Amino acid sequence: MAHPGAQPHSPADPPGHHPPHADPADRTLQDPVVDTAVGFLDLLAEPSRLRLLWALRDGELGVTALAETAGCTPTAASQHLAKLRLGGLVEQRADGRARLYRLRGGHIKRLVEEVVGHAEHAVRGIPYDL
């Protein structure tokens, strides 16, 4: 059942998608949303963790492959992945004795791609409207 005053979803919006400001009168983000978003950004604000998330954008990988991609030891990668998992950014599953990691949903993939894309524009001097 839709919330009173809820905006209908466009065909391009996935089910459960809610625009950040569906009601023009509500321009204030609620504290729990702000706190959670800042927590996610805090997890991204570490180079090895950002590299791990970047490597996972195309699918599942194990700790050894992720460590190589991120340029850290498997032990360090495991510690970072544990933080990312506890923070809700990655999921893991067992594959025999190995643990495979993947991003936890399309939002995380888009967030990582957008922040890296924005950084590439800044570093290369590419106009932001492209």
N, C-alpha and C. Protein backbone atom coordinates (compact mmCIF):
# COMPACT_ATOMS: atom_id res chain seq x y z
N MET A 1 0.84 -1.17 0.00
CA MET A 1 0.00 0.00 0.00
C MET A 1 0.88 1.24 0.00
N ALA A 2 0.57 2.22 -0.84
CA ALA A 2 1.37 3.43 -0.96
C ALA A 2 1.12 4.35 0.22
N HIS A 3 2.17 5.09 0.58
CA HIS A 3 2.03 6.08 1.64
C HIS A 3 1.19 7.24 1.12
N PRO A 4 0.41 7.88 1.99
CA PRO A 4 -0.36 9.04 1.54
C PRO A 4 0.57 10.09 0.97
N GLY A 5 0.22 10.60 -0.17
CA GLY A 5 1.02 11.65 -0.82
C GLY A 5 2.24 11.11 -1.56
N ALA A 6 2.39 9.78 -1.63
CA ALA A 6 3.55 9.20 -2.31
C ALA A 6 3.44 9.47 -3.80
N GLN A 7 4.59 9.68 -4.40
CA GLN A 7 4.65 9.92 -5.83
C GLN A 7 4.64 8.58 -6.55
N PRO A 8 3.94 8.47 -7.68
CA PRO A 8 3.98 7.22 -8.43
C PRO A 8 5.38 7.01 -9.00
N HIS A 9 5.76 5.75 -9.17
CA HIS A 9 7.06 5.44 -9.75
C HIS A 9 6.96 5.52 -11.26
N SER A 10 8.02 6.04 -11.87
CA SER A 10 8.07 6.00 -13.33
C SER A 10 8.47 4.59 -13.74
N PRO A 11 8.22 4.21 -14.99
CA PRO A 11 8.58 2.86 -15.42
C PRO A 11 10.07 2.57 -15.26
N ALA A 12 10.92 3.61 -15.28
CA ALA A 12 12.36 3.41 -15.15
C ALA A 12 12.79 3.18 -13.71
N ASP A 13 11.94 3.54 -12.74
CA ASP A 13 12.29 3.38 -11.33
C ASP A 13 12.04 1.94 -10.90
N PRO A 14 13.03 1.33 -10.23
CA PRO A 14 12.81 -0.02 -9.72
C PRO A 14 11.82 0.02 -8.57
N PRO A 15 11.13 -1.09 -8.32
CA PRO A 15 10.22 -1.13 -7.17
C PRO A 15 10.97 -0.79 -5.89
N GLY A 16 10.34 -0.05 -5.04
CA GLY A 16 10.97 0.34 -3.78
C GLY A 16 11.83 1.58 -3.89
N HIS A 17 12.00 2.13 -5.10
CA HIS A 17 12.81 3.33 -5.29
C HIS A 17 12.01 4.54 -4.85
N HIS A 18 12.63 5.36 -4.04
CA HIS A 18 11.99 6.59 -3.60
C HIS A 18 12.92 7.76 -3.89
N PRO A 19 12.48 8.74 -4.68
CA PRO A 19 13.35 9.89 -4.93
C PRO A 19 13.71 10.54 -3.61
N PRO A 20 14.95 11.10 -3.52
CA PRO A 20 15.38 11.67 -2.25
C PRO A 20 14.45 12.77 -1.74
N HIS A 21 13.82 13.51 -2.62
CA HIS A 21 12.93 14.61 -2.22
C HIS A 21 11.61 14.48 -2.96
N ALA A 22 10.87 13.41 -2.69
CA ALA A 22 9.61 13.17 -3.38
C ALA A 22 8.61 14.29 -3.09
N ASP A 23 8.66 14.84 -1.90
CA ASP A 23 7.76 15.92 -1.52
C ASP A 23 8.56 17.22 -1.48
N PRO A 24 8.29 18.17 -2.42
CA PRO A 24 9.07 19.40 -2.47
C PRO A 24 9.06 20.18 -1.15
N ALA A 25 8.01 19.98 -0.33
CA ALA A 25 7.96 20.68 0.95
C ALA A 25 8.94 20.09 1.96
N ASP A 26 9.41 18.86 1.75
CA ASP A 26 10.32 18.19 2.68
C ASP A 26 11.74 18.24 2.12
N ARG A 27 12.48 19.25 2.50
CA ARG A 27 13.85 19.42 2.02
C ARG A 27 14.88 19.03 3.07
N THR A 28 14.43 18.52 4.20
CA THR A 28 15.32 18.17 5.30
C THR A 28 15.49 16.67 5.37
N LEU A 29 16.74 16.23 5.36
CA LEU A 29 17.03 14.82 5.54
C LEU A 29 16.91 14.48 7.02
N GLN A 30 16.35 13.34 7.31
CA GLN A 30 16.20 12.89 8.68
C GLN A 30 17.55 12.41 9.23
N ASP A 31 17.78 12.62 10.52
CA ASP A 31 19.04 12.27 11.15
C ASP A 31 19.46 10.82 10.92
N PRO A 32 18.57 9.83 11.04
CA PRO A 32 19.02 8.45 10.80
C PRO A 32 19.54 8.23 9.39
N VAL A 33 18.94 8.89 8.42
CA VAL A 33 19.39 8.77 7.03
C VAL A 33 20.76 9.43 6.87
N VAL A 34 20.91 10.62 7.44
CA VAL A 34 22.20 11.33 7.36
C VAL A 34 23.29 10.51 8.05
N ASP A 35 23.01 10.02 9.23
CA ASP A 35 24.01 9.24 9.98
C ASP A 35 24.43 7.99 9.22
N THR A 36 23.47 7.31 8.62
CA THR A 36 23.77 6.09 7.86
C THR A 36 24.57 6.43 6.61
N ALA A 37 24.19 7.48 5.89
CA ALA A 37 24.91 7.88 4.69
C ALA A 37 26.35 8.28 5.02
N VAL A 38 26.53 9.02 6.09
CA VAL A 38 27.88 9.42 6.50
C VAL A 38 28.70 8.19 6.87
N GLY A 39 28.08 7.20 7.49
CA GLY A 39 28.78 5.96 7.81
C GLY A 39 29.25 5.24 6.56
N PHE A 40 28.39 5.20 5.52
CA PHE A 40 28.79 4.59 4.25
C PHE A 40 29.96 5.35 3.63
N LEU A 41 29.86 6.67 3.61
CA LEU A 41 30.93 7.48 3.03
C LEU A 41 32.23 7.33 3.81
N ASP A 42 32.12 7.19 5.13
CA ASP A 42 33.30 6.97 5.96
C ASP A 42 33.99 5.67 5.57
N LEU A 43 33.21 4.63 5.28
CA LEU A 43 33.80 3.37 4.85
C LEU A 43 34.50 3.51 3.50
N LEU A 44 34.00 4.37 2.64
CA LEU A 44 34.62 4.59 1.33
C LEU A 44 35.89 5.43 1.43
N ALA A 45 36.07 6.14 2.53
CA ALA A 45 37.15 7.11 2.67
C ALA A 45 38.47 6.46 3.08
N GLU A 46 38.71 5.25 2.66
CA GLU A 46 39.96 4.55 2.91
C GLU A 46 40.38 3.93 1.59
N PRO A 47 41.59 4.23 1.10
CA PRO A 47 41.98 3.80 -0.26
C PRO A 47 41.83 2.31 -0.54
N SER A 48 42.25 1.45 0.37
CA SER A 48 42.14 0.01 0.10
C SER A 48 40.69 -0.43 0.01
N ARG A 49 39.83 0.13 0.87
CA ARG A 49 38.42 -0.27 0.82
C ARG A 49 37.77 0.20 -0.48
N LEU A 50 38.10 1.41 -0.93
CA LEU A 50 37.56 1.87 -2.21
C LEU A 50 38.04 0.97 -3.34
N ARG A 51 39.31 0.57 -3.32
CA ARG A 51 39.83 -0.33 -4.35
C ARG A 51 39.12 -1.70 -4.31
N LEU A 52 38.85 -2.20 -3.10
CA LEU A 52 38.14 -3.47 -2.98
C LEU A 52 36.73 -3.36 -3.56
N LEU A 53 36.04 -2.29 -3.23
CA LEU A 53 34.69 -2.09 -3.77
C LEU A 53 34.72 -1.94 -5.29
N TRP A 54 35.70 -1.23 -5.80
CA TRP A 54 35.85 -1.05 -7.25
C TRP A 54 36.03 -2.40 -7.93
N ALA A 55 36.86 -3.26 -7.34
CA ALA A 55 37.11 -4.58 -7.92
C ALA A 55 35.85 -5.45 -7.92
N LEU A 56 34.96 -5.22 -6.97
CA LEU A 56 33.75 -6.03 -6.85
C LEU A 56 32.60 -5.55 -7.74
N ARG A 57 32.76 -4.47 -8.45
CA ARG A 57 31.63 -3.94 -9.21
C ARG A 57 31.20 -4.84 -10.35
N ASP A 58 32.06 -5.75 -10.78
CA ASP A 58 31.70 -6.67 -11.87
C ASP A 58 31.36 -8.07 -11.40
N GLY A 59 31.32 -8.30 -10.08
CA GLY A 59 30.92 -9.62 -9.59
C GLY A 59 31.73 -10.08 -8.41
N GLU A 60 31.52 -11.33 -8.05
CA GLU A 60 32.15 -11.92 -6.87
C GLU A 60 33.64 -12.17 -7.07
N LEU A 61 34.37 -11.99 -5.97
CA LEU A 61 35.79 -12.33 -5.96
C LEU A 61 36.16 -12.84 -4.58
N GLY A 62 37.22 -13.64 -4.52
CA GLY A 62 37.75 -14.13 -3.27
C GLY A 62 38.78 -13.16 -2.70
N VAL A 63 39.19 -13.44 -1.49
CA VAL A 63 40.10 -12.54 -0.77
C VAL A 63 41.44 -12.39 -1.48
N THR A 64 42.00 -13.48 -2.00
CA THR A 64 43.31 -13.41 -2.65
C THR A 64 43.27 -12.49 -3.86
N ALA A 65 42.28 -12.66 -4.72
CA ALA A 65 42.16 -11.80 -5.91
C ALA A 65 41.90 -10.35 -5.50
N LEU A 66 41.07 -10.16 -4.49
CA LEU A 66 40.79 -8.80 -4.03
C LEU A 66 42.02 -8.14 -3.44
N ALA A 67 42.82 -8.89 -2.69
CA ALA A 67 44.04 -8.35 -2.10
C ALA A 67 45.01 -7.90 -3.19
N GLU A 68 45.15 -8.73 -4.22
CA GLU A 68 46.03 -8.37 -5.34
C GLU A 68 45.56 -7.10 -6.02
N THR A 69 44.26 -7.00 -6.27
CA THR A 69 43.69 -5.83 -6.93
C THR A 69 43.87 -4.58 -6.09
N ALA A 70 43.68 -4.71 -4.78
CA ALA A 70 43.76 -3.55 -3.88
C ALA A 70 45.19 -3.22 -3.49
N GLY A 71 46.14 -4.11 -3.79
CA GLY A 71 47.53 -3.86 -3.43
C GLY A 71 47.79 -3.99 -1.94
N CYS A 72 47.12 -4.95 -1.31
CA CYS A 72 47.34 -5.17 0.12
C CYS A 72 47.48 -6.66 0.37
N THR A 73 47.79 -7.04 1.60
CA THR A 73 47.91 -8.45 1.94
C THR A 73 46.51 -9.06 2.08
N PRO A 74 46.40 -10.38 1.93
CA PRO A 74 45.10 -11.02 2.17
C PRO A 74 44.56 -10.76 3.57
N THR A 75 45.44 -10.67 4.56
CA THR A 75 45.00 -10.38 5.93
C THR A 75 44.37 -9.00 6.01
N ALA A 76 45.04 -8.01 5.41
CA ALA A 76 44.49 -6.64 5.41
C ALA A 76 43.18 -6.60 4.63
N ALA A 77 43.14 -7.29 3.48
CA ALA A 77 41.91 -7.31 2.68
C ALA A 77 40.77 -7.92 3.48
N SER A 78 41.05 -9.00 4.21
CA SER A 78 40.02 -9.63 5.03
C SER A 78 39.50 -8.69 6.10
N GLN A 79 40.39 -7.93 6.71
CA GLN A 79 39.97 -6.97 7.74
C GLN A 79 39.10 -5.87 7.13
N HIS A 80 39.51 -5.36 5.98
CA HIS A 80 38.71 -4.33 5.30
C HIS A 80 37.34 -4.89 4.88
N LEU A 81 37.35 -6.10 4.35
CA LEU A 81 36.10 -6.72 3.91
C LEU A 81 35.15 -6.96 5.08
N ALA A 82 35.71 -7.30 6.24
CA ALA A 82 34.87 -7.48 7.43
C ALA A 82 34.18 -6.16 7.79
N LYS A 83 34.92 -5.05 7.73
CA LYS A 83 34.32 -3.74 8.02
C LYS A 83 33.25 -3.40 6.99
N LEU A 84 33.55 -3.67 5.72
CA LEU A 84 32.58 -3.38 4.66
C LEU A 84 31.33 -4.25 4.81
N ARG A 85 31.52 -5.49 5.24
CA ARG A 85 30.37 -6.38 5.45
C ARG A 85 29.54 -5.91 6.64
N LEU A 86 30.19 -5.58 7.74
CA LEU A 86 29.47 -5.08 8.91
C LEU A 86 28.77 -3.76 8.61
N GLY A 87 29.37 -2.96 7.73
CA GLY A 87 28.77 -1.69 7.34
C GLY A 87 27.67 -1.82 6.31
N GLY A 88 27.44 -3.03 5.80
CA GLY A 88 26.36 -3.27 4.87
C GLY A 88 26.68 -2.97 3.42
N LEU A 89 27.96 -2.85 3.07
CA LEU A 89 28.32 -2.55 1.68
C LEU A 89 28.64 -3.78 0.85
N VAL A 90 29.07 -4.87 1.51
CA VAL A 90 29.34 -6.11 0.79
C VAL A 90 28.67 -7.27 1.50
N GLU A 91 28.52 -8.35 0.76
CA GLU A 91 28.00 -9.61 1.29
C GLU A 91 29.04 -10.68 1.01
N GLN A 92 29.01 -11.74 1.78
CA GLN A 92 29.90 -12.86 1.52
C GLN A 92 29.11 -14.15 1.48
N ARG A 93 29.69 -15.12 0.79
CA ARG A 93 29.10 -16.46 0.80
C ARG A 93 30.25 -17.46 0.78
N ALA A 94 29.96 -18.61 1.34
CA ALA A 94 30.97 -19.67 1.38
C ALA A 94 30.95 -20.42 0.05
N ASP A 95 32.14 -20.75 -0.42
CA ASP A 95 32.32 -21.59 -1.60
C ASP A 95 33.37 -22.62 -1.21
N GLY A 96 32.93 -23.72 -0.58
CA GLY A 96 33.87 -24.65 0.03
C GLY A 96 34.50 -23.96 1.23
N ARG A 97 35.82 -23.93 1.25
CA ARG A 97 36.52 -23.24 2.34
C ARG A 97 36.73 -21.76 2.04
N ALA A 98 36.55 -21.38 0.81
CA ALA A 98 36.77 -19.99 0.41
C ALA A 98 35.55 -19.13 0.73
N ARG A 99 35.79 -17.86 0.87
CA ARG A 99 34.72 -16.87 1.04
C ARG A 99 34.74 -15.96 -0.19
N LEU A 100 33.58 -15.84 -0.82
CA LEU A 100 33.45 -14.95 -1.97
C LEU A 100 32.67 -13.72 -1.54
N TYR A 101 33.10 -12.59 -2.04
CA TYR A 101 32.48 -11.31 -1.68
C TYR A 101 31.85 -10.68 -2.91
N ARG A 102 30.77 -9.94 -2.67
CA ARG A 102 30.09 -9.20 -3.74
C ARG A 102 29.51 -7.93 -3.12
N LEU A 103 29.26 -6.95 -3.99
CA LEU A 103 28.62 -5.72 -3.54
C LEU A 103 27.21 -6.03 -3.09
N ARG A 104 26.74 -5.28 -2.13
CA ARG A 104 25.38 -5.49 -1.62
C ARG A 104 24.41 -4.56 -2.34
N GLY A 105 24.12 -4.88 -3.57
CA GLY A 105 23.12 -4.15 -4.32
C GLY A 105 23.68 -3.13 -5.29
N GLY A 106 22.79 -2.73 -6.18
CA GLY A 106 23.15 -1.78 -7.23
C GLY A 106 23.46 -0.38 -6.73
N HIS A 107 22.89 0.01 -5.57
CA HIS A 107 23.19 1.33 -5.04
C HIS A 107 24.68 1.49 -4.76
N ILE A 108 25.28 0.45 -4.19
CA ILE A 108 26.70 0.52 -3.84
C ILE A 108 27.54 0.59 -5.10
N LYS A 109 27.18 -0.20 -6.10
CA LYS A 109 27.92 -0.16 -7.36
C LYS A 109 27.84 1.23 -7.98
N ARG A 110 26.65 1.80 -8.02
CA ARG A 110 26.50 3.13 -8.62
C ARG A 110 27.24 4.19 -7.81
N LEU A 111 27.20 4.08 -6.49
CA LEU A 111 27.91 5.03 -5.63
C LEU A 111 29.41 5.00 -5.92
N VAL A 112 29.99 3.81 -5.97
CA VAL A 112 31.42 3.67 -6.24
C VAL A 112 31.76 4.19 -7.63
N GLU A 113 30.96 3.82 -8.63
CA GLU A 113 31.22 4.29 -9.99
C GLU A 113 31.10 5.80 -10.10
N GLU A 114 30.12 6.38 -9.42
CA GLU A 114 29.93 7.84 -9.47
C GLU A 114 31.07 8.59 -8.79
N VAL A 115 31.49 8.12 -7.62
CA VAL A 115 32.55 8.83 -6.90
C VAL A 115 33.87 8.72 -7.67
N VAL A 116 34.15 7.55 -8.25
CA VAL A 116 35.36 7.40 -9.04
C VAL A 116 35.26 8.22 -10.33
N GLY A 117 34.10 8.23 -10.96
CA GLY A 117 33.91 9.05 -12.16
C GLY A 117 34.09 10.52 -11.87
N HIS A 118 33.57 10.98 -10.75
CA HIS A 118 33.73 12.39 -10.36
C HIS A 118 35.20 12.70 -10.12
N ALA A 119 35.91 11.80 -9.47
CA ALA A 119 37.34 11.99 -9.23
C ALA A 119 38.12 12.03 -10.54
N GLU A 120 37.77 11.15 -11.48
CA GLU A 120 38.45 11.16 -12.79
C GLU A 120 38.24 12.49 -13.50
N HIS A 121 37.05 13.05 -13.42
CA HIS A 121 36.80 14.36 -14.01
C HIS A 121 37.68 15.41 -13.37
N ALA A 122 37.79 15.38 -12.05
CA ALA A 122 38.60 16.37 -11.33
C ALA A 122 40.08 16.23 -11.69
N VAL A 123 40.58 15.00 -11.71
CA VAL A 123 42.00 14.76 -11.97
C VAL A 123 42.37 15.09 -13.41
N ARG A 124 41.50 14.76 -14.35
CA ARG A 124 41.80 14.95 -15.78
C ARG A 124 41.31 16.28 -16.33
N GLY A 125 40.63 17.06 -15.51
CA GLY A 125 40.12 18.34 -15.99
C GLY A 125 38.99 18.20 -16.98
N ILE A 126 38.22 17.14 -16.89
CA ILE A 126 37.08 16.91 -17.79
C ILE A 126 35.89 17.70 -17.25
N PRO A 127 35.17 18.41 -18.12
CA PRO A 127 33.98 19.12 -17.63
C PRO A 127 32.99 18.16 -16.96
N TYR A 128 32.38 18.60 -15.90
CA TYR A 128 31.50 17.74 -15.11
C TYR A 128 30.17 17.44 -15.78
N ASP A 129 29.79 18.18 -16.80
CA ASP A 129 28.50 17.95 -17.43
C ASP A 129 28.57 16.90 -18.53
N LEU A 130 29.70 16.25 -18.70
CA LEU A 130 29.81 15.19 -19.72
C LEU A 130 29.48 13.85 -19.14
